[in-house]
Amino acid sequence: MLDGHAVYAGSKAALTAFARNWALELRERRIRVNVLSPGPVDTPIIGKLGISNEHRPAFLNQMANLIPAGRLGAAEELAHAALFLASADSAFINGIELIADGGMSLS
């Protein structure tokens, strides 16, 4: 958990709850609803957290140490997960939250 991110975390939880309910409500129309919940990814949003370019390497290293995979995710990895959920390969998956965080949520 990050200090000052209660609204962000609450919004993510609300989206997951909506998705589960929509999956039930939309079943007659055969519409599947799933949520992709990413962990830390090395994107420009890190700068918006107030991390300067000077402190960025130390921050990335600190975050990587919190993730069992030992690194931050890549945007391409999240794209692959989203494509899986949108594909016929996931035709029997509905109402789930796919957590793609390198194992960070385990702790």
Protein backbone atom coordinates (compact mmCIF):
# COMPACT_ATOMS: atom_id res chain seq x y z
CA MET A 1 0.00 0.00 0.00
CA LEU A 2 1.16 3.50 -0.77
CA ASP A 3 0.38 6.45 1.46
CA GLY A 4 -2.10 8.86 -0.06
CA HIS A 5 -3.53 6.34 -2.50
CA ALA A 6 -6.75 5.37 -0.70
CA VAL A 7 -9.01 6.74 -3.44
CA TYR A 8 -6.95 5.00 -6.13
CA ALA A 9 -7.07 1.66 -4.27
CA GLY A 10 -10.79 2.06 -3.54
CA SER A 11 -11.51 2.80 -7.19
CA LYS A 12 -9.71 -0.36 -8.27
CA ALA A 13 -11.70 -2.41 -5.76
CA ALA A 14 -14.94 -0.85 -7.01
CA LEU A 15 -14.11 -1.74 -10.62
CA THR A 16 -13.51 -5.35 -9.63
CA ALA A 17 -16.87 -5.46 -7.83
CA PHE A 18 -18.61 -3.90 -10.85
CA ALA A 19 -17.00 -6.46 -13.15
CA ARG A 20 -18.22 -9.40 -11.08
CA ASN A 21 -21.75 -8.04 -11.03
CA TRP A 22 -21.73 -7.11 -14.72
CA ALA A 23 -20.53 -10.63 -15.56
CA LEU A 24 -23.73 -11.94 -13.95
CA GLU A 25 -26.00 -9.25 -15.35
CA LEU A 26 -24.71 -9.60 -18.90
CA ARG A 27 -24.66 -13.40 -19.07
CA GLU A 28 -27.90 -13.53 -21.11
CA ARG A 29 -26.12 -11.47 -23.77
CA ARG A 30 -23.03 -13.72 -23.57
CA ILE A 31 -20.84 -10.79 -22.63
CA ARG A 32 -17.87 -11.67 -20.47
CA VAL A 33 -16.43 -9.12 -18.06
CA ASN A 34 -13.00 -9.52 -16.47
CA VAL A 35 -10.51 -7.19 -14.80
CA LEU A 36 -6.78 -6.99 -15.41
CA SER A 37 -4.99 -5.68 -12.30
CA PRO A 38 -1.37 -4.84 -13.02
CA GLY A 39 1.39 -4.48 -10.50
CA PRO A 40 4.24 -2.00 -10.84
CA VAL A 41 5.24 -1.38 -14.45
CA ASP A 42 8.10 0.80 -15.59
CA THR A 43 6.13 3.52 -17.37
CA PRO A 44 6.10 7.35 -17.31
CA ILE A 45 3.56 7.28 -14.45
CA ILE A 46 6.50 6.78 -12.08
CA GLY A 47 7.48 10.39 -12.71
CA LYS A 48 3.96 11.44 -11.75
CA LEU A 49 4.50 9.84 -8.34
CA GLY A 50 7.08 12.54 -7.68
CA ILE A 51 10.10 10.33 -8.34
CA SER A 52 12.84 12.44 -9.90
CA ASN A 53 15.06 11.10 -12.69
CA GLU A 54 17.92 11.14 -10.19
CA HIS A 55 16.06 8.89 -7.73
CA ARG A 56 14.37 6.74 -10.37
CA PRO A 57 16.99 3.91 -10.45
CA ALA A 58 16.91 3.53 -6.64
CA PHE A 59 13.11 3.58 -6.65
CA LEU A 60 12.92 0.94 -9.38
CA ASN A 61 15.40 -1.23 -7.47
CA GLN A 62 13.41 -0.83 -4.25
CA MET A 63 10.17 -1.78 -6.02
CA ALA A 64 11.82 -4.76 -7.72
CA ASN A 65 12.90 -6.06 -4.32
CA LEU A 66 9.22 -6.13 -3.24
CA ILE A 67 8.23 -8.30 -6.20
CA PRO A 68 8.92 -12.05 -6.08
CA ALA A 69 9.68 -11.96 -9.83
CA GLY A 70 12.54 -9.57 -8.95
CA ARG A 71 11.58 -6.88 -11.43
CA LEU A 72 8.83 -4.54 -12.54
CA GLY A 73 6.52 -5.63 -15.29
CA ALA A 74 6.67 -4.48 -18.88
CA ALA A 75 3.77 -2.88 -20.70
CA GLU A 76 4.01 -5.62 -23.33
CA GLU A 77 3.41 -8.28 -20.68
CA LEU A 78 0.19 -6.58 -19.61
CA ALA A 79 -0.84 -6.29 -23.25
CA HIS A 80 -0.42 -10.05 -23.63
CA ALA A 81 -2.60 -10.66 -20.57
CA ALA A 82 -5.29 -8.30 -21.91
CA LEU A 83 -5.19 -9.98 -25.31
CA PHE A 84 -5.61 -13.35 -23.61
CA LEU A 85 -8.71 -12.13 -21.79
CA ALA A 86 -10.11 -10.74 -25.05
CA SER A 87 -9.34 -13.90 -27.02
CA ALA A 88 -11.23 -17.14 -27.60
CA ASP A 89 -8.57 -18.84 -25.45
CA SER A 90 -10.34 -17.37 -22.41
CA ALA A 91 -13.88 -18.17 -23.57
CA PHE A 92 -14.74 -19.95 -20.30
CA ILE A 93 -13.28 -17.23 -18.06
CA ASN A 94 -15.78 -14.71 -16.74
CA GLY A 95 -15.99 -12.38 -13.76
CA ILE A 96 -12.39 -12.76 -12.62
CA GLU A 97 -9.62 -10.41 -11.61
CA LEU A 98 -6.40 -11.40 -13.35
CA ILE A 99 -3.58 -10.07 -11.20
CA ALA A 100 -0.42 -9.54 -13.24
CA ASP A 101 2.00 -8.27 -10.62
CA GLY A 102 4.94 -10.68 -10.62
CA GLY A 103 3.69 -12.09 -7.31
CA MET A 104 3.74 -8.77 -5.41
CA SER A 105 0.24 -9.34 -3.99
CA LEU A 106 1.45 -12.51 -2.26
CA SER A 107 2.96 -10.53 0.57
